[in-house]
Amino acid sequence: ATPLLVYLGIFVFYFVTAFFSVFFNAGVVHIAKTRMEGGDATFMDGIKAATSKLGKLIQWSLLTATVGLILSALESQARKKGGIIGMLGKIATSLLGLAWAIVSTFVVPAIILKDQGPIDALKSSTAAIKKTWGESLIKWFGLSTVKNAIMFLATILFLLPGILSFGISISLAVFLVGLWILVLMLVSVVFRAADMIFDTALFLYADTGKEPKMFTGGVIKNAFHKK
């Protein structure tokens, strides 16, 4: 395959992956926001809300895929260079990827809650990050720690016994490994949703200065320190 076809394939993969993730997150944002205001949004309400912003979500997914492709190309070039230059290139690419992940944290909430396009939503996300960087950092470490602990426990309980069981019982080994994969999938979905719920609360707080009703007792306002 020519390099052009390879990059086209990578772009399509990035776009499809990004779109499904963004669409799911958009639904979660709508449900979370509605429930924070005392409403009772359902799963289908989230789907409808995400569908109503389909054009903007597709645009954001295209932009995300483009950035992903550029970062992939830069990383590929860095690997080809090798040596000190290659190593520095890899570090720079990693830092660029991290910066993009940070500034785009609140883009989906901005699209759903403020009906903004990708560029304006990115600006709103950057502004929200500046206001809530402390809370965002604590949220990231807190949720990541719990998620990693559960995944580690699942590996100990299911994956390792599953691997060791291959010499004893193939069916038992397949069952345990399959159970491990199922747990990882469930953990991924649950924590992705939890992450978006918290991001929605932080975005609302950064945008309005008011603590969402769901988080009573100053959970957002007082438990963390604003910049």
Protein backbone atom coordinates (compact mmCIF):
# COMPACT_ATOMS: atom_id res chain seq x y z
CA ALA A 1 0.00 0.00 0.00
CA THR A 2 1.16 3.53 -0.76
CA PRO A 3 1.86 5.89 2.14
CA LEU A 4 -1.18 7.93 1.11
CA LEU A 5 -3.49 4.91 1.46
CA VAL A 6 -1.90 4.01 4.79
CA TYR A 7 -2.49 7.49 6.19
CA LEU A 8 -6.00 7.50 4.76
CA GLY A 9 -6.70 4.25 6.57
CA ILE A 10 -5.29 5.64 9.81
CA PHE A 11 -7.43 8.77 9.41
CA VAL A 12 -10.61 6.74 8.88
CA PHE A 13 -9.80 4.60 11.93
CA TYR A 14 -9.18 7.70 14.06
CA PHE A 15 -12.39 9.34 12.83
CA VAL A 16 -14.63 6.33 13.48
CA THR A 17 -13.10 5.76 16.91
CA ALA A 18 -13.37 9.44 17.83
CA PHE A 19 -16.95 9.75 16.59
CA PHE A 20 -18.32 6.85 18.62
CA SER A 21 -16.49 8.11 21.72
CA VAL A 22 -17.66 11.70 21.20
CA PHE A 23 -21.26 10.64 20.51
CA PHE A 24 -21.35 8.52 23.67
CA ASN A 25 -19.84 11.32 25.73
CA ALA A 26 -22.32 13.84 24.30
CA GLY A 27 -25.22 11.71 25.48
CA VAL A 28 -23.69 11.38 28.94
CA VAL A 29 -23.18 15.16 29.16
CA HIS A 30 -26.85 15.84 28.39
CA ILE A 31 -28.07 13.26 30.90
CA ALA A 32 -25.67 14.51 33.58
CA LYS A 33 -26.61 18.15 33.07
CA THR A 34 -30.34 17.38 33.17
CA ARG A 35 -30.03 15.34 36.35
CA MET A 36 -27.84 17.98 37.97
CA GLU A 37 -30.71 20.41 37.42
CA GLY A 38 -33.19 18.05 39.04
CA GLY A 39 -34.52 16.50 35.83
CA ASP A 40 -34.83 12.83 34.93
CA ALA A 41 -33.15 12.32 31.56
CA THR A 42 -33.09 8.79 30.14
CA PHE A 43 -30.59 7.02 27.93
CA MET A 44 -32.73 7.79 24.87
CA ASP A 45 -32.83 11.47 25.85
CA GLY A 46 -29.04 11.43 25.74
CA ILE A 47 -29.09 9.80 22.31
CA LYS A 48 -31.57 12.39 21.02
CA ALA A 49 -29.49 15.27 22.41
CA ALA A 50 -26.33 13.90 20.81
CA THR A 51 -28.15 13.36 17.51
CA SER A 52 -29.42 16.97 17.55
CA LYS A 53 -25.76 18.12 17.58
CA LEU A 54 -24.65 15.48 15.07
CA GLY A 55 -23.13 17.96 12.62
CA LYS A 56 -20.97 19.64 15.25
CA LEU A 57 -19.94 16.28 16.72
CA ILE A 58 -18.88 15.04 13.27
CA GLN A 59 -16.87 18.24 12.74
CA TRP A 60 -15.15 17.77 16.09
CA SER A 61 -14.45 14.11 15.31
CA LEU A 62 -12.89 15.14 11.98
CA LEU A 63 -10.70 17.69 13.75
CA THR A 64 -9.71 15.13 16.39
CA ALA A 65 -8.86 12.58 13.68
CA THR A 66 -6.78 15.18 11.82
CA VAL A 67 -4.79 16.03 14.95
CA GLY A 68 -4.35 12.33 15.65
CA LEU A 69 -3.07 11.75 12.13
CA ILE A 70 -0.61 14.64 12.39
CA LEU A 71 0.71 13.36 15.72
CA SER A 72 1.02 9.86 14.26
CA ALA A 73 2.97 11.21 11.28
CA LEU A 74 5.28 13.21 13.55
CA GLU A 75 5.91 10.16 15.74
CA SER A 76 6.64 8.08 12.66
CA GLN A 77 9.16 10.63 11.42
CA ALA A 78 10.79 10.74 14.86
CA ARG A 79 11.20 6.94 14.84
CA LYS A 80 12.85 7.11 11.42
CA LYS A 81 15.33 9.74 12.57
CA GLY A 82 16.55 7.71 15.52
CA GLY A 83 19.28 8.85 17.90
CA ILE A 84 19.00 12.01 19.99
CA ILE A 85 16.93 13.84 17.37
CA GLY A 86 14.48 10.96 17.18
CA MET A 87 14.21 10.75 20.95
CA LEU A 88 13.59 14.48 21.25
CA GLY A 89 11.03 14.21 18.47
CA LYS A 90 9.16 11.47 20.35
CA ILE A 91 9.18 13.53 23.55
CA ALA A 92 7.92 16.61 21.70
CA THR A 93 5.15 14.58 20.03
CA SER A 94 4.10 13.11 23.37
CA LEU A 95 3.96 16.57 24.92
CA LEU A 96 1.89 17.87 22.01
CA GLY A 97 -0.51 14.95 22.42
CA LEU A 98 -0.80 15.61 26.14
CA ALA A 99 -1.41 19.32 25.55
CA TRP A 100 -4.14 18.53 23.01
CA ALA A 101 -5.80 16.09 25.41
CA ILE A 102 -5.79 18.72 28.16
CA VAL A 103 -7.14 21.70 26.20
CA SER A 104 -9.86 19.57 24.58
CA THR A 105 -11.16 18.14 27.87
CA PHE A 106 -14.35 20.23 27.93
CA VAL A 107 -15.06 20.43 24.18
CA VAL A 108 -17.98 17.97 24.19
CA PRO A 109 -19.71 19.69 27.15
CA ALA A 110 -19.27 23.03 25.33
CA ILE A 111 -20.83 21.61 22.15
CA ILE A 112 -23.81 20.11 23.98
CA LEU A 113 -24.41 22.77 26.65
CA LYS A 114 -23.52 25.92 24.70
CA ASP A 115 -24.31 24.72 21.16
CA GLN A 116 -20.86 25.82 19.99
CA GLY A 117 -18.92 24.68 16.96
CA PRO A 118 -15.58 22.86 17.33
CA ILE A 119 -13.34 25.95 17.36
CA ASP A 120 -15.47 27.97 19.79
CA ALA A 121 -15.92 24.86 21.94
CA LEU A 122 -12.13 24.42 22.02
CA LYS A 123 -11.79 28.03 23.19
CA SER A 124 -14.40 27.46 25.90
CA SER A 125 -12.64 24.25 26.93
CA THR A 126 -9.31 26.05 27.24
CA ALA A 127 -10.92 28.79 29.34
CA ALA A 128 -12.56 26.21 31.60
CA ILE A 129 -9.24 24.38 32.04
CA LYS A 130 -7.58 27.63 33.17
CA LYS A 131 -10.29 28.09 35.80
CA THR A 132 -10.47 24.51 37.03
CA TRP A 133 -7.00 23.07 36.44
CA GLY A 134 -6.70 22.02 40.10
CA GLU A 135 -10.05 20.24 40.14
CA SER A 136 -9.38 18.61 36.77
CA LEU A 137 -6.01 17.31 37.97
CA ILE A 138 -7.50 15.85 41.17
CA LYS A 139 -10.34 14.29 39.21
CA TRP A 140 -7.93 12.73 36.74
CA PHE A 141 -5.68 11.25 39.42
CA GLY A 142 -8.62 10.15 41.58
CA LEU A 143 -10.56 8.33 38.87
CA SER A 144 -7.43 6.93 37.25
CA THR A 145 -6.23 5.49 40.55
CA VAL A 146 -9.52 3.71 41.23
CA LYS A 147 -9.80 2.49 37.63
CA ASN A 148 -6.24 1.14 37.59
CA ALA A 149 -6.79 -0.59 40.94
CA ILE A 150 -9.89 -2.38 39.65
CA MET A 151 -8.15 -3.40 36.42
CA PHE A 152 -5.15 -4.69 38.39
CA LEU A 153 -7.45 -6.69 40.67
CA ALA A 154 -9.29 -8.14 37.65
CA THR A 155 -5.95 -9.16 36.15
CA ILE A 156 -4.96 -10.98 39.33
CA LEU A 157 -8.34 -12.67 39.77
CA PHE A 158 -9.12 -13.62 36.15
CA LEU A 159 -6.33 -13.13 33.62
CA LEU A 160 -3.45 -14.80 35.44
CA PRO A 161 -5.52 -17.85 36.56
CA GLY A 162 -6.88 -18.01 33.01
CA ILE A 163 -3.39 -18.15 31.50
CA LEU A 164 -2.29 -20.76 34.03
CA SER A 165 -5.41 -22.84 33.29
CA PHE A 166 -4.59 -23.36 29.60
CA GLY A 167 -2.55 -26.43 30.46
CA ILE A 168 -5.37 -27.86 32.58
CA SER A 169 -8.67 -26.89 30.96
CA ILE A 170 -9.06 -24.91 27.74
CA SER A 171 -12.72 -24.14 28.48
CA LEU A 172 -11.91 -22.81 31.96
CA ALA A 173 -9.04 -20.74 30.57
CA VAL A 174 -11.24 -19.23 27.84
CA PHE A 175 -13.97 -18.50 30.41
CA LEU A 176 -11.58 -16.69 32.79
CA VAL A 177 -9.87 -14.69 30.04
CA GLY A 178 -13.28 -13.80 28.58
CA LEU A 179 -14.44 -12.69 32.02
CA TRP A 180 -11.35 -10.51 32.33
CA ILE A 181 -12.06 -8.87 28.96
CA LEU A 182 -15.70 -8.30 29.97
CA VAL A 183 -14.65 -6.66 33.25
CA LEU A 184 -12.20 -4.38 31.44
CA MET A 185 -14.91 -3.34 28.96
CA LEU A 186 -17.41 -2.59 31.75
CA VAL A 187 -14.81 -0.67 33.75
CA SER A 188 -13.90 1.35 30.67
CA VAL A 189 -17.54 2.29 29.95
CA VAL A 190 -18.38 3.11 33.59
CA PHE A 191 -15.32 5.25 34.19
CA ARG A 192 -15.67 7.02 30.85
CA ALA A 193 -19.19 7.98 31.90
CA ALA A 194 -18.00 9.02 35.37
CA ASP A 195 -15.27 11.11 33.81
CA MET A 196 -17.75 12.94 31.56
CA ILE A 197 -20.17 13.53 34.45
CA PHE A 198 -17.42 15.16 36.47
CA ASP A 199 -16.23 17.13 33.45
CA THR A 200 -19.79 18.37 32.91
CA ALA A 201 -20.01 19.54 36.52
CA LEU A 202 -16.64 21.28 36.28
CA PHE A 203 -17.55 22.93 32.99
CA LEU A 204 -20.85 24.22 34.38
CA TYR A 205 -19.04 25.54 37.44
CA ALA A 206 -16.33 27.22 35.34
CA ASP A 207 -18.90 28.66 32.93
CA THR A 208 -21.51 29.90 35.42
CA GLY A 209 -19.65 30.13 38.71
CA LYS A 210 -22.44 28.10 40.30
CA GLU A 211 -22.14 24.64 41.77
CA PRO A 212 -24.44 22.06 40.11
CA LYS A 213 -27.32 20.99 42.37
CA MET A 214 -26.24 17.36 42.31
CA PHE A 215 -23.00 18.31 44.07
CA THR A 216 -24.31 19.68 47.34
CA GLY A 217 -22.29 20.86 50.30
CA GLY A 218 -19.59 22.54 48.24
CA VAL A 219 -18.25 19.35 46.64
CA ILE A 220 -17.14 21.24 43.56
CA LYS A 221 -16.67 24.68 45.08
CA ASN A 222 -14.92 23.86 48.36
CA ALA A 223 -13.46 20.36 48.08
CA PHE A 224 -11.02 21.55 45.43
CA HIS A 225 -8.99 24.70 45.09
CA LYS A 226 -9.52 27.05 42.16
CA LYS A 227 -6.55 28.75 40.56
